[in-house]
C-alpha atoms as a PDB file:
ATOM      1  CA  MET A   1      -6.637  -0.255  13.389  1.00  0.00           C
ATOM      2  CA  THR A   2      -6.088  -2.363  10.284  1.00  0.00           C
ATOM      3  CA  VAL A   3      -2.623  -2.394   8.696  1.00  0.00           C
ATOM      4  CA  ILE A   4      -2.421  -3.313   5.002  1.00  0.00           C
ATOM      5  CA  ALA A   5       0.846  -3.665   3.083  1.00  0.00           C
ATOM      6  CA  VAL A   6       0.557  -2.801  -0.617  1.00  0.00           C
ATOM      7  CA  ALA A   7       3.320  -4.915  -2.104  1.00  0.00           C
ATOM      8  CA  ASN A   8       4.693  -6.537  -5.217  1.00  0.00           C
ATOM      9  CA  GLN A   9       8.399  -7.034  -5.841  1.00  0.00           C
ATOM     10  CA  LYS A  10       7.954  -5.972  -9.461  1.00  0.00           C
ATOM     11  CA  GLY A  11       8.071  -2.267 -10.260  1.00  0.00           C
ATOM     12  CA  GLY A  12       5.568  -0.435 -12.413  1.00  0.00           C
ATOM     13  CA  VAL A  13       2.515  -2.456 -11.394  1.00  0.00           C
ATOM     14  CA  GLY A  14       0.601   0.388  -9.767  1.00  0.00           C
ATOM     15  CA  LYS A  15       1.471  -0.009  -6.070  1.00  0.00           C
ATOM     16  CA  THR A  16       1.779   3.685  -5.341  1.00  0.00           C
ATOM     17  CA  THR A  17      -1.195   4.633  -7.515  1.00  0.00           C
ATOM     18  CA  THR A  18      -3.227   2.023  -5.666  1.00  0.00           C
ATOM     19  CA  ALA A  19      -2.089   3.171  -2.222  1.00  0.00           C
ATOM     20  CA  ILE A  20      -2.837   6.843  -2.959  1.00  0.00           C
ATOM     21  CA  ASN A  21      -6.212   6.398  -4.589  1.00  0.00           C
ATOM     22  CA  LEU A  22      -7.413   3.599  -2.371  1.00  0.00           C
ATOM     23  CA  GLY A  23      -6.445   5.682   0.659  1.00  0.00           C
ATOM     24  CA  THR A  24      -8.373   8.622  -0.764  1.00  0.00           C
ATOM     25  CA  ALA A  25     -11.438   6.484  -1.495  1.00  0.00           C
ATOM     26  CA  LEU A  26     -11.367   4.987   2.018  1.00  0.00           C
ATOM     27  CA  ALA A  27     -11.064   8.470   3.519  1.00  0.00           C
ATOM     28  CA  ALA A  28     -14.078   9.544   1.477  1.00  0.00           C
ATOM     29  CA  THR A  29     -16.115   6.846   3.241  1.00  0.00           C
ATOM     30  CA  GLY A  30     -15.250   8.432   6.595  1.00  0.00           C
ATOM     31  CA  LYS A  31     -12.337   6.215   7.589  1.00  0.00           C
ATOM     32  CA  ARG A  32      -9.248   7.830   9.060  1.00  0.00           C
ATOM     33  CA  VAL A  33      -6.376   6.690   6.856  1.00  0.00           C
ATOM     34  CA  LEU A  34      -2.590   6.834   7.133  1.00  0.00           C
ATOM     35  CA  ILE A  35      -0.264   5.998   4.250  1.00  0.00           C
ATOM     36  CA  VAL A  36       3.262   5.005   5.247  1.00  0.00           C
ATOM     37  CA  ASP A  37       5.589   5.708   2.318  1.00  0.00           C
ATOM     38  CA  LEU A  38       8.269   3.028   2.563  1.00  0.00           C
ATOM     39  CA  ASP A  39       9.696   3.479  -0.928  1.00  0.00           C
ATOM     40  CA  PRO A  40      12.965   5.486  -1.133  1.00  0.00           C
ATOM     41  CA  GLN A  41      11.660   7.089  -4.332  1.00  0.00           C
ATOM     42  CA  GLY A  42       8.977   8.800  -2.246  1.00  0.00           C
ATOM     43  CA  ASN A  43       6.411   8.710  -5.041  1.00  0.00           C
ATOM     44  CA  ALA A  44       3.426   8.387  -2.712  1.00  0.00           C
ATOM     45  CA  SER A  45       4.591  11.509  -0.870  1.00  0.00           C
ATOM     46  CA  THR A  46       5.035  13.426  -4.113  1.00  0.00           C
ATOM     47  CA  GLY A  47       1.714  12.170  -5.447  1.00  0.00           C
ATOM     48  CA  LEU A  48      -0.029  13.595  -2.394  1.00  0.00           C
ATOM     49  CA  GLY A  49       1.617  16.984  -2.769  1.00  0.00           C
ATOM     50  CA  ILE A  50       4.186  16.702   0.055  1.00  0.00           C
ATOM     51  CA  HIS A  51       7.202  18.732  -1.047  1.00  0.00           C
ATOM     52  CA  ARG A  52      10.632  17.401  -0.171  1.00  0.00           C
ATOM     53  CA  ALA A  53      11.296  20.467   1.983  1.00  0.00           C
ATOM     54  CA  ASN A  54       8.419  19.353   4.215  1.00  0.00           C
ATOM     55  CA  ARG A  55       9.785  15.872   4.869  1.00  0.00           C
ATOM     56  CA  ALA A  56      12.090  16.706   7.758  1.00  0.00           C
ATOM     57  CA  VAL A  57      10.731  13.729   9.688  1.00  0.00           C
ATOM     58  CA  SER A  58      10.138  10.691   7.521  1.00  0.00           C
ATOM     59  CA  SER A  59       9.674   6.928   7.546  1.00  0.00           C
ATOM     60  CA  TYR A  60      13.454   6.628   7.777  1.00  0.00           C
ATOM     61  CA  GLU A  61      13.486   8.297  11.194  1.00  0.00           C
ATOM     62  CA  VAL A  62      10.594   6.061  12.250  1.00  0.00           C
ATOM     63  CA  LEU A  63      12.457   2.894  11.253  1.00  0.00           C
ATOM     64  CA  ILE A  64      15.674   3.774  13.056  1.00  0.00           C
ATOM     65  CA  GLY A  65      13.793   4.860  16.172  1.00  0.00           C
ATOM     66  CA  GLN A  66      14.463   8.593  16.035  1.00  0.00           C
ATOM     67  CA  ALA A  67      10.785   9.560  15.664  1.00  0.00           C
ATOM     68  CA  ALA A  68       7.340   8.217  16.453  1.00  0.00           C
ATOM     69  CA  VAL A  69       4.804   7.603  13.718  1.00  0.00           C
ATOM     70  CA  SER A  70       2.593  10.380  15.100  1.00  0.00           C
ATOM     71  CA  ASP A  71       5.510  12.825  14.860  1.00  0.00           C
ATOM     72  CA  ALA A  72       6.231  11.922  11.248  1.00  0.00           C
ATOM     73  CA  ALA A  73       2.622  11.920  10.017  1.00  0.00           C
ATOM     74  CA  ILE A  74       1.610  14.893   7.874  1.00  0.00           C
ATOM     75  CA  ALA A  75      -1.937  15.878   6.967  1.00  0.00           C
ATOM     76  CA  THR A  76      -2.601  15.893   3.225  1.00  0.00           C
ATOM     77  CA  ALA A  77      -5.028  17.987   1.214  1.00  0.00           C
ATOM     78  CA  VAL A  78      -7.442  15.049   1.391  1.00  0.00           C
ATOM     79  CA  PRO A  79      -9.593  15.194   4.542  1.00  0.00           C
ATOM     80  CA  LYS A  80      -8.941  12.270   6.919  1.00  0.00           C
ATOM     81  CA  LEU A  81      -5.856  11.171   4.937  1.00  0.00           C
ATOM     82  CA  ASP A  82      -2.381  11.533   6.466  1.00  0.00           C
ATOM     83  CA  ILE A  83       0.998  10.321   5.255  1.00  0.00           C
ATOM     84  CA  VAL A  84       4.358   9.420   6.751  1.00  0.00           C
ATOM     85  CA  PRO A  85       6.564  10.674   3.902  1.00  0.00           C
ATOM     86  CA  ALA A  86       9.698   9.051   2.525  1.00  0.00           C
ATOM     87  CA  THR A  87      13.074  10.513   1.620  1.00  0.00           C
ATOM     88  CA  VAL A  88      16.093   9.169  -0.219  1.00  0.00           C
ATOM     89  CA  ASP A  89      17.605   8.320   3.192  1.00  0.00           C
ATOM     90  CA  LEU A  90      15.530   5.142   3.062  1.00  0.00           C
ATOM     91  CA  SER A  91      17.795   3.817   0.306  1.00  0.00           C
ATOM     92  CA  GLY A  92      20.496   3.179   2.900  1.00  0.00           C
ATOM     93  CA  ALA A  93      18.152   1.958   5.610  1.00  0.00           C
ATOM     94  CA  GLU A  94      18.391  -1.709   4.634  1.00  0.00           C
ATOM     95  CA  ILE A  95      22.134  -1.673   5.253  1.00  0.00           C
ATOM     96  CA  GLU A  96      21.841   0.288   8.503  1.00  0.00           C
ATOM     97  CA  LEU A  97      19.069  -1.907   9.898  1.00  0.00           C
ATOM     98  CA  VAL A  98      21.254  -5.001   9.688  1.00  0.00           C
ATOM     99  CA  ASP A  99      22.984  -3.867  12.886  1.00  0.00           C
ATOM    100  CA  TYR A 100      19.722  -3.260  14.777  1.00  0.00           C
ATOM    101  CA  GLU A 101      18.081  -5.728  17.109  1.00  0.00           C
ATOM    102  CA  GLU A 102      14.806  -7.104  15.752  1.00  0.00           C
ATOM    103  CA  ARG A 103      15.562  -5.421  12.446  1.00  0.00           C
ATOM    104  CA  THR A 104      12.532  -7.095  10.846  1.00  0.00           C
ATOM    105  CA  HIS A 105      10.160  -5.682  13.480  1.00  0.00           C
ATOM    106  CA  ARG A 106      11.134  -2.009  13.491  1.00  0.00           C
ATOM    107  CA  LEU A 107       7.984  -0.805  11.737  1.00  0.00           C
ATOM    108  CA  ASP A 108       5.785  -3.230  13.666  1.00  0.00           C
ATOM    109  CA  HIS A 109       6.956  -1.796  16.988  1.00  0.00           C
ATOM    110  CA  ALA A 110       6.553   1.779  15.733  1.00  0.00           C
ATOM    111  CA  LEU A 111       2.965   1.195  14.582  1.00  0.00           C
ATOM    112  CA  ALA A 112       2.101  -0.682  17.778  1.00  0.00           C
ATOM    113  CA  ALA A 113       3.093   2.418  19.738  1.00  0.00           C
ATOM    114  CA  THR A 114       0.654   4.716  17.901  1.00  0.00           C
ATOM    115  CA  ASP A 115      -2.650   5.865  19.279  1.00  0.00           C
ATOM    116  CA  ASP A 116      -5.987   5.026  17.684  1.00  0.00           C
ATOM    117  CA  ARG A 117      -6.215   8.103  15.485  1.00  0.00           C
ATOM    118  CA  TRP A 118      -6.305   5.992  12.274  1.00  0.00           C
ATOM    119  CA  ASP A 119      -8.683   3.258  11.214  1.00  0.00           C
ATOM    120  CA  VAL A 120      -6.628   1.979   8.273  1.00  0.00           C
ATOM    121  CA  ILE A 121      -2.891   2.148   7.617  1.00  0.00           C
ATOM    122  CA  LEU A 122      -1.658   1.482   4.076  1.00  0.00           C
ATOM    123  CA  ILE A 123       2.054   0.764   3.652  1.00  0.00           C
ATOM    124  CA  ASP A 124       3.394   1.596   0.188  1.00  0.00           C
ATOM    125  CA  CYS A 125       6.271  -0.863  -0.241  1.00  0.00           C
ATOM    126  CA  PRO A 126       9.316  -0.546  -2.505  1.00  0.00           C
ATOM    127  CA  PRO A 127       9.578  -2.739  -5.633  1.00  0.00           C
ATOM    128  CA  SER A 128      11.738  -5.395  -3.971  1.00  0.00           C
ATOM    129  CA  LEU A 129      11.543  -8.103  -1.331  1.00  0.00           C
ATOM    130  CA  GLY A 130      14.264  -6.621   0.871  1.00  0.00           C
ATOM    131  CA  LEU A 131      14.270  -5.591   4.513  1.00  0.00           C
ATOM    132  CA  LEU A 132      11.907  -2.655   4.009  1.00  0.00           C
ATOM    133  CA  THR A 133       9.204  -4.856   2.487  1.00  0.00           C
ATOM    134  CA  ILE A 134       9.798  -7.512   5.137  1.00  0.00           C
ATOM    135  CA  ASN A 135       9.268  -4.861   7.820  1.00  0.00           C
ATOM    136  CA  ALA A 136       5.979  -3.943   6.138  1.00  0.00           C
ATOM    137  CA  MET A 137       4.819  -7.563   5.999  1.00  0.00           C
ATOM    138  CA  VAL A 138       5.739  -8.186   9.612  1.00  0.00           C
ATOM    139  CA  ALA A 139       3.790  -5.084  10.678  1.00  0.00           C
ATOM    140  CA  ALA A 140       0.767  -5.791   8.468  1.00  0.00           C
ATOM    141  CA  ASP A 141      -2.438  -7.635   9.209  1.00  0.00           C
ATOM    142  CA  SER A 142      -2.894  -8.332   5.524  1.00  0.00           C
ATOM    143  CA  LEU A 143      -1.406  -7.887   2.092  1.00  0.00           C
ATOM    144  CA  LEU A 144      -2.895  -6.206  -0.967  1.00  0.00           C
ATOM    145  CA  VAL A 145      -1.128  -7.145  -4.203  1.00  0.00           C
ATOM    146  CA  PRO A 146      -1.498  -4.940  -7.298  1.00  0.00           C
ATOM    147  CA  LEU A 147      -0.852  -7.190 -10.296  1.00  0.00           C
ATOM    148  CA  GLN A 148      -0.273  -5.831 -13.774  1.00  0.00           C
ATOM    149  CA  CYS A 149      -2.040  -7.745 -16.524  1.00  0.00           C
ATOM    150  CA  GLU A 150       1.039  -8.898 -18.397  1.00  0.00           C
ATOM    151  CA  PHE A 151       2.745 -12.145 -19.389  1.00  0.00           C
ATOM    152  CA  PHE A 152       5.116 -12.467 -16.427  1.00  0.00           C
ATOM    153  CA  ALA A 153       2.510 -11.585 -13.798  1.00  0.00           C
ATOM    154  CA  LEU A 154       1.974 -15.091 -12.432  1.00  0.00           C
ATOM    155  CA  GLU A 155       5.704 -15.810 -12.270  1.00  0.00           C
ATOM    156  CA  GLY A 156       6.331 -12.757 -10.107  1.00  0.00           C
ATOM    157  CA  LEU A 157       3.270 -13.489  -8.009  1.00  0.00           C
ATOM    158  CA  SER A 158       4.498 -16.980  -7.138  1.00  0.00           C
ATOM    159  CA  GLN A 159       7.750 -15.485  -5.817  1.00  0.00           C
ATOM    160  CA  LEU A 160       5.810 -13.013  -3.690  1.00  0.00           C
ATOM    161  CA  LEU A 161       3.544 -15.725  -2.280  1.00  0.00           C
ATOM    162  CA  SER A 162       6.614 -17.784  -1.337  1.00  0.00           C
ATOM    163  CA  THR A 163       7.957 -14.798   0.588  1.00  0.00           C
ATOM    164  CA  VAL A 164       4.599 -14.390   2.336  1.00  0.00           C
ATOM    165  CA  GLU A 165       4.759 -18.017   3.468  1.00  0.00           C
ATOM    166  CA  ARG A 166       8.245 -17.478   4.881  1.00  0.00           C
ATOM    167  CA  ILE A 167       7.074 -14.366   6.734  1.00  0.00           C
ATOM    168  CA  ARG A 168       4.139 -16.324   8.159  1.00  0.00           C
ATOM    169  CA  SER A 169       6.297 -19.185   9.359  1.00  0.00           C
ATOM    170  CA  ARG A 170       9.033 -17.048  10.911  1.00  0.00           C
ATOM    171  CA  PHE A 171       7.628 -13.671  11.953  1.00  0.00           C
ATOM    172  CA  ASN A 172       3.920 -13.024  11.397  1.00  0.00           C
ATOM    173  CA  PRO A 173       1.649 -16.100  11.402  1.00  0.00           C
ATOM    174  CA  GLY A 174      -1.437 -13.871  11.158  1.00  0.00           C
ATOM    175  CA  LEU A 175      -0.465 -12.294   7.829  1.00  0.00           C
ATOM    176  CA  ALA A 176      -3.292 -12.814   5.340  1.00  0.00           C
ATOM    177  CA  ILE A 177      -3.662 -11.964   1.678  1.00  0.00           C
ATOM    178  CA  LEU A 178      -6.524  -9.496   1.580  1.00  0.00           C
ATOM    179  CA  GLY A 179      -6.697  -9.587  -2.177  1.00  0.00           C
ATOM    180  CA  VAL A 180      -5.034  -9.268  -5.567  1.00  0.00           C
ATOM    181  CA  ALA A 181      -6.024  -6.229  -7.637  1.00  0.00           C
ATOM    182  CA  LEU A 182      -5.579  -6.484 -11.401  1.00  0.00           C
ATOM    183  CA  THR A 183      -4.133  -3.206 -12.693  1.00  0.00           C
ATOM    184  CA  MET A 184      -3.477  -1.617 -16.101  1.00  0.00           C
ATOM    185  CA  TYR A 185      -6.354  -3.630 -17.513  1.00  0.00           C
ATOM    186  CA  ASP A 186      -6.979  -3.123 -21.234  1.00  0.00           C
ATOM    187  CA  ARG A 187     -10.047  -4.883 -22.594  1.00  0.00           C
ATOM    188  CA  ARG A 188      -8.819  -4.346 -26.159  1.00  0.00           C
ATOM    189  CA  ASN A 189      -5.810  -6.557 -25.494  1.00  0.00           C
ATOM    190  CA  ARG A 190      -6.340 -10.316 -25.678  1.00  0.00           C
ATOM    191  CA  LEU A 191      -3.304 -10.911 -23.475  1.00  0.00           C
ATOM    192  CA  THR A 192      -4.927  -8.864 -20.717  1.00  0.00           C
ATOM    193  CA  GLU A 193      -7.998 -11.079 -20.790  1.00  0.00           C
ATOM    194  CA  GLN A 194      -5.846 -14.215 -20.796  1.00  0.00           C
ATOM    195  CA  VAL A 195      -3.749 -13.096 -17.820  1.00  0.00           C
ATOM    196  CA  SER A 196      -6.902 -12.149 -15.914  1.00  0.00           C
ATOM    197  CA  SER A 197      -8.412 -15.565 -16.589  1.00  0.00           C
ATOM    198  CA  ASP A 198      -5.201 -17.352 -15.558  1.00  0.00           C
ATOM    199  CA  VAL A 199      -4.857 -15.386 -12.321  1.00  0.00           C
ATOM    200  CA  ARG A 200      -8.495 -15.993 -11.381  1.00  0.00           C
ATOM    201  CA  ALA A 201      -8.158 -19.697 -12.211  1.00  0.00           C
ATOM    202  CA  VAL A 202      -5.186 -20.004  -9.847  1.00  0.00           C
ATOM    203  CA  LEU A 203      -6.287 -17.717  -7.009  1.00  0.00           C
ATOM    204  CA  GLY A 204     -10.065 -17.743  -7.279  1.00  0.00           C
ATOM    205  CA  LYS A 205     -11.887 -15.334  -4.973  1.00  0.00           C
ATOM    206  CA  VAL A 206      -8.625 -13.883  -3.668  1.00  0.00           C
ATOM    207  CA  VAL A 207      -8.676 -11.724  -6.798  1.00  0.00           C
ATOM    208  CA  PHE A 208     -10.881  -8.643  -6.481  1.00  0.00           C
ATOM    209  CA  ASP A 209     -13.807  -8.427  -8.900  1.00  0.00           C
ATOM    210  CA  THR A 210     -12.872  -4.811  -9.595  1.00  0.00           C
ATOM    211  CA  VAL A 211     -10.136  -4.255 -12.172  1.00  0.00           C
ATOM    212  CA  ILE A 212      -8.152  -1.042 -12.569  1.00  0.00           C
ATOM    213  CA  PRO A 213      -8.067   0.048 -16.218  1.00  0.00           C
ATOM    214  CA  ARG A 214      -5.287   1.722 -18.106  1.00  0.00           C
ATOM    215  CA  ASN A 215      -6.241   5.364 -17.771  1.00  0.00           C
ATOM    216  CA  VAL A 216      -4.316   8.498 -18.684  1.00  0.00           C
ATOM    217  CA  ARG A 217      -5.840  10.446 -15.775  1.00  0.00           C
ATOM    218  CA  LEU A 218      -4.283   8.018 -13.293  1.00  0.00           C
ATOM    219  CA  SER A 219      -0.903   8.770 -14.861  1.00  0.00           C
ATOM    220  CA  GLU A 220      -1.399  12.543 -14.968  1.00  0.00           C
ATOM    221  CA  ALA A 221      -2.629  13.066 -11.411  1.00  0.00           C
ATOM    222  CA  PRO A 222       0.705  12.581  -9.536  1.00  0.00           C
ATOM    223  CA  SER A 223       2.342  15.422 -11.473  1.00  0.00           C
ATOM    224  CA  HIS A 224      -0.330  17.703  -9.992  1.00  0.00           C
ATOM    225  CA  GLY A 225       0.300  16.438  -6.449  1.00  0.00           C
ATOM    226  CA  VAL A 226      -3.219  15.093  -5.991  1.00  0.00           C
ATOM    227  CA  PRO A 227      -4.880  11.659  -6.215  1.00  0.00           C
ATOM    228  CA  ALA A 228      -6.784  10.863  -9.400  1.00  0.00           C
ATOM    229  CA  LEU A 229      -9.999  10.884  -7.359  1.00  0.00           C
ATOM    230  CA  ILE A 230      -9.488  14.609  -6.841  1.00  0.00           C
ATOM    231  CA  TYR A 231      -7.867  15.350 -10.204  1.00  0.00           C
ATOM    232  CA  ASP A 232     -10.781  13.800 -12.102  1.00  0.00           C
ATOM    233  CA  TYR A 233     -13.255  11.839  -9.995  1.00  0.00           C
ATOM    234  CA  ARG A 234     -15.338  10.954 -13.037  1.00  0.00           C
ATOM    235  CA  CYS A 235     -12.585   9.200 -14.992  1.00  0.00           C
ATOM    236  CA  SER A 236     -12.664   5.407 -15.308  1.00  0.00           C
ATOM    237  CA  GLY A 237      -9.617   5.009 -13.071  1.00  0.00           C
ATOM    238  CA  SER A 238     -11.189   6.968 -10.222  1.00  0.00           C
ATOM    239  CA  GLU A 239     -14.438   5.081 -10.513  1.00  0.00           C
ATOM    240  CA  ALA A 240     -12.531   1.793 -10.409  1.00  0.00           C
ATOM    241  CA  TYR A 241     -10.657   2.736  -7.231  1.00  0.00           C
ATOM    242  CA  MET A 242     -13.891   3.770  -5.549  1.00  0.00           C
ATOM    243  CA  ALA A 243     -15.357   0.387  -6.462  1.00  0.00           C
ATOM    244  CA  LEU A 244     -12.203  -1.344  -5.198  1.00  0.00           C
ATOM    245  CA  ALA A 245     -12.478   0.534  -1.894  1.00  0.00           C
ATOM    246  CA  ARG A 246     -16.043  -0.669  -1.429  1.00  0.00           C
ATOM    247  CA  GLU A 247     -14.958  -4.221  -2.167  1.00  0.00           C
ATOM    248  CA  LEU A 248     -11.996  -3.946   0.193  1.00  0.00           C
ATOM    249  CA  ILE A 249     -14.168  -2.628   3.031  1.00  0.00           C
ATOM    250  CA  GLY A 250     -16.325  -5.709   2.627  1.00  0.00           C
ATOM    251  CA  ARG A 251     -13.267  -7.881   3.245  1.00  0.00           C
ATOM    252  CA  LEU A 252     -12.027  -6.050   6.331  1.00  0.00           C
ATOM    253  CA  PRO A 253     -12.744  -7.628   9.714  1.00  0.00           C
ATOM    254  CA  PRO A 254     -15.633  -5.964  11.583  1.00  0.00           C
ATOM    255  CA  ALA A 255     -14.671  -3.226  13.997  1.00  0.00           C
ATOM    256  CA  LYS A 256     -14.580  -4.245  17.633  1.00  0.00           C
ATOM    257  CA  PRO A 257     -17.386  -2.624  19.632  1.00  0.00           C
ATOM    258  CA  ALA A 258     -16.351   0.013  22.117  1.00  0.00           C
ATOM    259  CA  ILE A 259     -16.313  -1.126  25.754  1.00  0.00           C
ATOM    260  CA  ALA A 260     -18.725   0.908  27.858  1.00  0.00           C
ATOM    261  CA  ALA A 261     -17.195   2.693  30.819  1.00  0.00           C
END
């Protein structure tokens, strides 16, 4: 089971869109995927058609120890794709967790207690570097960073990388950066090209070759409660996420062979 945190402390960079559509693309390849919605806004849950009335058990209950991950997981309309939904209760979780022992490892312990029903777990993090995101980074094997092609991208990225180093040194020495995905890419904009060049010059092969374009279908799909890959699988955004999934699979560690009885 591979655990990937989808994180960037800046909002509006495409974290949730990436988690939903990447999860869908991975499921289409036959992998069993779980998305853990760790954002109090619950956009990943809404984007996968999980109504608020159906979120009686959520990631909040998982974090405070009232429910197991398997109890909170809900099947989505996408075959092989499940989600642990989020509710607004998460907004107060950071304050509540302060009083818990090992407050940075709550999600790690919960995921460690799951069975092997999923091959990949994607954690959709909130747009901050608070206790919820720290829990995700401690629980994760690797980090996927969606990065919007805009002027302040590198500045925000440097702050995130500093946090990753602190997490490595204190809690999770095995945390690796799986890759940086450039999002909202507009080839007509010179600034987009410049930011892309700057990011690749600094990070090299850490940056995925695939870029996610600005695409109206990606924006429309969540209002219909389905991933863009289902809403319009032929649009440029869907095609880009399928290409990103293939690239990501190539970076995942090989599966361990089953031990014969």
